[in-house]
Amino acid sequence: MDLTHVRRLIDLLATAPVTELEVEEGGCRIRITRGGGAQPEVAPSAPAAVAAHAPVAAVAAPAVAPVVEEAVIAAPSYGVFHLSPAPGAPPFVTVGQDVQAGQEVGLVEAMKVFNAVRATQAGRIAAVLVEDGTEVEAGTPLFRLA
């Protein structure tokens, strides 16, 4: 399992209504959990000689990271995702390209019917999260906007 695949799984978990994802592929097993499981951190204590006489350990409150909502463009339905309008044609969009709300950025094919994937808001394509020709479910994140 490569790093790109793991990053896609993390992105999927970030937008899915579940808190845990476990995948086993080719003998490699990965489990990704979101939220709720933070362990308290132990604050730096005095040197060992002083700590031996004072067994009380200070526990720091876990740091709360600001929640940043990343904009994603998701699949409108189940089917096979296509980055370009035809085999061999250039893709609708590429990483770094600006898009407008409503702009067509891909296609999802189901039973020989092609449904347009449109940008839900204006932004810049930061990442393509799904490879061309991949089977997707409705709501699968396809692009991340910056």
C-alpha atoms as a PDB file:
ATOM      1  CA  MET A   1       0.000   0.000   0.000  1.00  0.00           C
ATOM      2  CA  ASP A   2       1.615   3.277  -1.085  1.00  0.00           C
ATOM      3  CA  LEU A   3       1.531   6.672   0.603  1.00  0.00           C
ATOM      4  CA  THR A   4      -0.806   8.119  -2.043  1.00  0.00           C
ATOM      5  CA  HIS A   5      -3.364   5.408  -1.304  1.00  0.00           C
ATOM      6  CA  VAL A   6      -3.086   6.048   2.452  1.00  0.00           C
ATOM      7  CA  ARG A   7      -3.602   9.789   1.905  1.00  0.00           C
ATOM      8  CA  ARG A   8      -6.727   9.076  -0.154  1.00  0.00           C
ATOM      9  CA  LEU A   9      -8.058   6.906   2.670  1.00  0.00           C
ATOM     10  CA  ILE A  10      -7.414   9.708   5.163  1.00  0.00           C
ATOM     11  CA  ASP A  11      -9.211  12.201   2.905  1.00  0.00           C
ATOM     12  CA  LEU A  12     -12.118   9.780   2.549  1.00  0.00           C
ATOM     13  CA  LEU A  13     -12.363   9.354   6.321  1.00  0.00           C
ATOM     14  CA  ALA A  14     -12.283  13.130   6.798  1.00  0.00           C
ATOM     15  CA  THR A  15     -15.463  13.564   4.763  1.00  0.00           C
ATOM     16  CA  ALA A  16     -17.267  10.316   5.566  1.00  0.00           C
ATOM     17  CA  PRO A  17     -19.841  10.043   8.378  1.00  0.00           C
ATOM     18  CA  VAL A  18     -17.749   7.350  10.134  1.00  0.00           C
ATOM     19  CA  THR A  19     -14.997   7.620  12.742  1.00  0.00           C
ATOM     20  CA  GLU A  20     -12.958   4.539  11.861  1.00  0.00           C
ATOM     21  CA  LEU A  21     -11.741   2.914   8.672  1.00  0.00           C
ATOM     22  CA  GLU A  22      -9.863  -0.387   8.355  1.00  0.00           C
ATOM     23  CA  VAL A  23      -8.471  -1.673   5.051  1.00  0.00           C
ATOM     24  CA  GLU A  24      -6.511  -4.838   4.292  1.00  0.00           C
ATOM     25  CA  GLU A  25      -4.795  -5.085   0.932  1.00  0.00           C
ATOM     26  CA  GLY A  26      -2.040  -7.420  -0.225  1.00  0.00           C
ATOM     27  CA  GLY A  27      -1.119  -8.534   3.280  1.00  0.00           C
ATOM     28  CA  CYS A  28      -0.899  -4.943   4.532  1.00  0.00           C
ATOM     29  CA  ARG A  29      -3.502  -3.783   7.031  1.00  0.00           C
ATOM     30  CA  ILE A  30      -4.161  -0.163   7.993  1.00  0.00           C
ATOM     31  CA  ARG A  31      -6.599   1.238  10.531  1.00  0.00           C
ATOM     32  CA  ILE A  32      -7.399   4.958  10.600  1.00  0.00           C
ATOM     33  CA  THR A  33      -9.433   6.450  13.450  1.00  0.00           C
ATOM     34  CA  ARG A  34     -10.776   9.996  13.679  1.00  0.00           C
ATOM     35  CA  GLY A  35     -11.503  12.055  16.808  1.00  0.00           C
ATOM     36  CA  GLY A  36     -12.348  11.010  20.353  1.00  0.00           C
ATOM     37  CA  GLY A  37      -9.253   8.872  20.905  1.00  0.00           C
ATOM     38  CA  ALA A  38      -6.770  11.576  21.910  1.00  0.00           C
ATOM     39  CA  GLN A  39      -4.541  10.586  24.821  1.00  0.00           C
ATOM     40  CA  PRO A  40      -3.527  13.258  27.337  1.00  0.00           C
ATOM     41  CA  GLU A  41       0.076  14.405  26.975  1.00  0.00           C
ATOM     42  CA  VAL A  42       2.429  14.461  29.916  1.00  0.00           C
ATOM     43  CA  ALA A  43       4.030  17.852  30.383  1.00  0.00           C
ATOM     44  CA  PRO A  44       7.828  18.030  30.665  1.00  0.00           C
ATOM     45  CA  SER A  45       8.724  17.412  34.302  1.00  0.00           C
ATOM     46  CA  ALA A  46      11.653  18.261  36.525  1.00  0.00           C
ATOM     47  CA  PRO A  47      14.948  16.355  36.226  1.00  0.00           C
ATOM     48  CA  ALA A  48      14.946  12.688  37.314  1.00  0.00           C
ATOM     49  CA  ALA A  49      16.482  13.358  40.745  1.00  0.00           C
ATOM     50  CA  VAL A  50      13.751  15.847  41.664  1.00  0.00           C
ATOM     51  CA  ALA A  51      11.025  13.715  40.094  1.00  0.00           C
ATOM     52  CA  ALA A  52      11.963  10.786  42.336  1.00  0.00           C
ATOM     53  CA  HIS A  53      11.071  12.883  45.400  1.00  0.00           C
ATOM     54  CA  ALA A  54       7.891  14.329  43.896  1.00  0.00           C
ATOM     55  CA  PRO A  55       5.768  11.532  42.351  1.00  0.00           C
ATOM     56  CA  VAL A  56       3.060  13.924  41.154  1.00  0.00           C
ATOM     57  CA  ALA A  57       3.025  14.237  37.332  1.00  0.00           C
ATOM     58  CA  ALA A  58       1.478  17.228  35.637  1.00  0.00           C
ATOM     59  CA  VAL A  59      -0.975  16.355  32.874  1.00  0.00           C
ATOM     60  CA  ALA A  60      -1.454  18.956  30.168  1.00  0.00           C
ATOM     61  CA  ALA A  61      -4.781  19.407  28.427  1.00  0.00           C
ATOM     62  CA  PRO A  62      -4.659  18.044  24.873  1.00  0.00           C
ATOM     63  CA  ALA A  63      -4.038  20.745  22.316  1.00  0.00           C
ATOM     64  CA  VAL A  64      -7.141  21.575  20.323  1.00  0.00           C
ATOM     65  CA  ALA A  65      -6.339  22.097  16.659  1.00  0.00           C
ATOM     66  CA  PRO A  66      -8.583  24.516  14.794  1.00  0.00           C
ATOM     67  CA  VAL A  67     -11.027  22.723  12.531  1.00  0.00           C
ATOM     68  CA  VAL A  68     -10.423  23.720   8.935  1.00  0.00           C
ATOM     69  CA  GLU A  69     -13.137  22.726   6.496  1.00  0.00           C
ATOM     70  CA  GLU A  70     -11.579  21.792   3.207  1.00  0.00           C
ATOM     71  CA  ALA A  71     -13.788  22.120   0.204  1.00  0.00           C
ATOM     72  CA  VAL A  72     -14.160  18.951  -1.810  1.00  0.00           C
ATOM     73  CA  ILE A  73     -15.986  18.082  -4.984  1.00  0.00           C
ATOM     74  CA  ALA A  74     -17.778  14.772  -4.498  1.00  0.00           C
ATOM     75  CA  ALA A  75     -19.207  12.195  -6.873  1.00  0.00           C
ATOM     76  CA  PRO A  76     -22.882  12.875  -7.646  1.00  0.00           C
ATOM     77  CA  SER A  77     -23.694   9.159  -8.016  1.00  0.00           C
ATOM     78  CA  TYR A  78     -22.269   5.656  -8.164  1.00  0.00           C
ATOM     79  CA  GLY A  79     -20.231   4.767 -11.249  1.00  0.00           C
ATOM     80  CA  VAL A  80     -16.832   4.932 -12.909  1.00  0.00           C
ATOM     81  CA  PHE A  81     -15.037   8.268 -12.592  1.00  0.00           C
ATOM     82  CA  HIS A  82     -13.495   9.834 -15.716  1.00  0.00           C
ATOM     83  CA  LEU A  83     -11.117  12.822 -15.693  1.00  0.00           C
ATOM     84  CA  SER A  84     -11.522  13.500 -19.441  1.00  0.00           C
ATOM     85  CA  PRO A  85     -14.470  13.574 -21.860  1.00  0.00           C
ATOM     86  CA  ALA A  86     -13.012  10.793 -24.049  1.00  0.00           C
ATOM     87  CA  PRO A  87     -10.063   8.385 -24.013  1.00  0.00           C
ATOM     88  CA  GLY A  88      -6.918  10.250 -25.041  1.00  0.00           C
ATOM     89  CA  ALA A  89      -8.534  13.676 -24.598  1.00  0.00           C
ATOM     90  CA  PRO A  90      -7.035  16.171 -22.147  1.00  0.00           C
ATOM     91  CA  PRO A  91      -8.580  16.172 -18.646  1.00  0.00           C
ATOM     92  CA  PHE A  92     -11.362  18.597 -17.750  1.00  0.00           C
ATOM     93  CA  VAL A  93      -9.147  20.111 -15.011  1.00  0.00           C
ATOM     94  CA  THR A  94      -5.633  19.720 -13.623  1.00  0.00           C
ATOM     95  CA  VAL A  95      -4.039  20.407 -10.248  1.00  0.00           C
ATOM     96  CA  GLY A  96      -3.465  24.146  -9.823  1.00  0.00           C
ATOM     97  CA  GLN A  97      -6.261  25.161 -12.195  1.00  0.00           C
ATOM     98  CA  ASP A  98      -8.904  27.645 -11.031  1.00  0.00           C
ATOM     99  CA  VAL A  99     -12.525  26.515 -11.350  1.00  0.00           C
ATOM    100  CA  GLN A 100     -15.829  28.337 -11.070  1.00  0.00           C
ATOM    101  CA  ALA A 101     -18.967  27.102  -9.327  1.00  0.00           C
ATOM    102  CA  GLY A 102     -20.901  24.901 -11.736  1.00  0.00           C
ATOM    103  CA  GLN A 103     -17.912  24.199 -14.006  1.00  0.00           C
ATOM    104  CA  GLU A 104     -17.683  20.623 -15.283  1.00  0.00           C
ATOM    105  CA  VAL A 105     -14.608  18.925 -13.770  1.00  0.00           C
ATOM    106  CA  GLY A 106     -15.231  15.250 -14.590  1.00  0.00           C
ATOM    107  CA  LEU A 107     -17.736  12.538 -15.437  1.00  0.00           C
ATOM    108  CA  VAL A 108     -19.256   9.594 -13.599  1.00  0.00           C
ATOM    109  CA  GLU A 109     -20.419   6.777 -15.889  1.00  0.00           C
ATOM    110  CA  ALA A 110     -23.084   4.321 -14.760  1.00  0.00           C
ATOM    111  CA  MET A 111     -24.703   1.897 -17.218  1.00  0.00           C
ATOM    112  CA  LYS A 112     -23.413   3.888 -20.234  1.00  0.00           C
ATOM    113  CA  VAL A 113     -24.975   7.087 -18.873  1.00  0.00           C
ATOM    114  CA  PHE A 114     -22.508   9.905 -18.180  1.00  0.00           C
ATOM    115  CA  ASN A 115     -23.291  12.294 -15.314  1.00  0.00           C
ATOM    116  CA  ALA A 116     -21.325  15.542 -15.144  1.00  0.00           C
ATOM    117  CA  VAL A 117     -19.317  16.253 -12.008  1.00  0.00           C
ATOM    118  CA  ARG A 118     -19.528  19.983 -11.381  1.00  0.00           C
ATOM    119  CA  ALA A 119     -17.624  22.222  -8.994  1.00  0.00           C
ATOM    120  CA  THR A 120     -19.812  23.115  -6.028  1.00  0.00           C
ATOM    121  CA  GLN A 121     -17.914  26.355  -5.443  1.00  0.00           C
ATOM    122  CA  ALA A 122     -15.150  28.431  -6.950  1.00  0.00           C
ATOM    123  CA  GLY A 123     -11.577  27.571  -6.016  1.00  0.00           C
ATOM    124  CA  ARG A 124      -8.324  26.060  -7.180  1.00  0.00           C
ATOM    125  CA  ILE A 125      -7.873  22.310  -7.690  1.00  0.00           C
ATOM    126  CA  ALA A 126      -5.434  21.333  -4.911  1.00  0.00           C
ATOM    127  CA  ALA A 127      -5.562  17.568  -5.463  1.00  0.00           C
ATOM    128  CA  VAL A 128      -7.234  14.891  -7.538  1.00  0.00           C
ATOM    129  CA  LEU A 129      -8.242  12.286  -4.945  1.00  0.00           C
ATOM    130  CA  VAL A 130      -9.385   9.490  -7.279  1.00  0.00           C
ATOM    131  CA  GLU A 131      -7.599   7.995 -10.267  1.00  0.00           C
ATOM    132  CA  ASP A 132      -9.201   8.003 -13.707  1.00  0.00           C
ATOM    133  CA  GLY A 133     -11.308   4.871 -14.284  1.00  0.00           C
ATOM    134  CA  THR A 134     -11.920   4.214 -10.578  1.00  0.00           C
ATOM    135  CA  GLU A 135     -15.312   3.003  -9.381  1.00  0.00           C
ATOM    136  CA  VAL A 136     -16.802   5.517  -6.918  1.00  0.00           C
ATOM    137  CA  GLU A 137     -19.841   5.741  -4.667  1.00  0.00           C
ATOM    138  CA  ALA A 138     -22.152   8.739  -4.403  1.00  0.00           C
ATOM    139  CA  GLY A 139     -20.450  11.275  -2.136  1.00  0.00           C
ATOM    140  CA  THR A 140     -16.897   9.987  -2.695  1.00  0.00           C
ATOM    141  CA  PRO A 141     -14.490  12.970  -2.590  1.00  0.00           C
ATOM    142  CA  LEU A 142     -12.980  13.381  -6.078  1.00  0.00           C
ATOM    143  CA  PHE A 143     -11.153  16.726  -5.873  1.00  0.00           C
ATOM    144  CA  ARG A 144      -9.873  18.894  -3.030  1.00  0.00           C
ATOM    145  CA  LEU A 145     -10.161  22.660  -3.539  1.00  0.00           C
ATOM    146  CA  ALA A 146      -7.777  25.212  -2.078  1.00  0.00           C
END
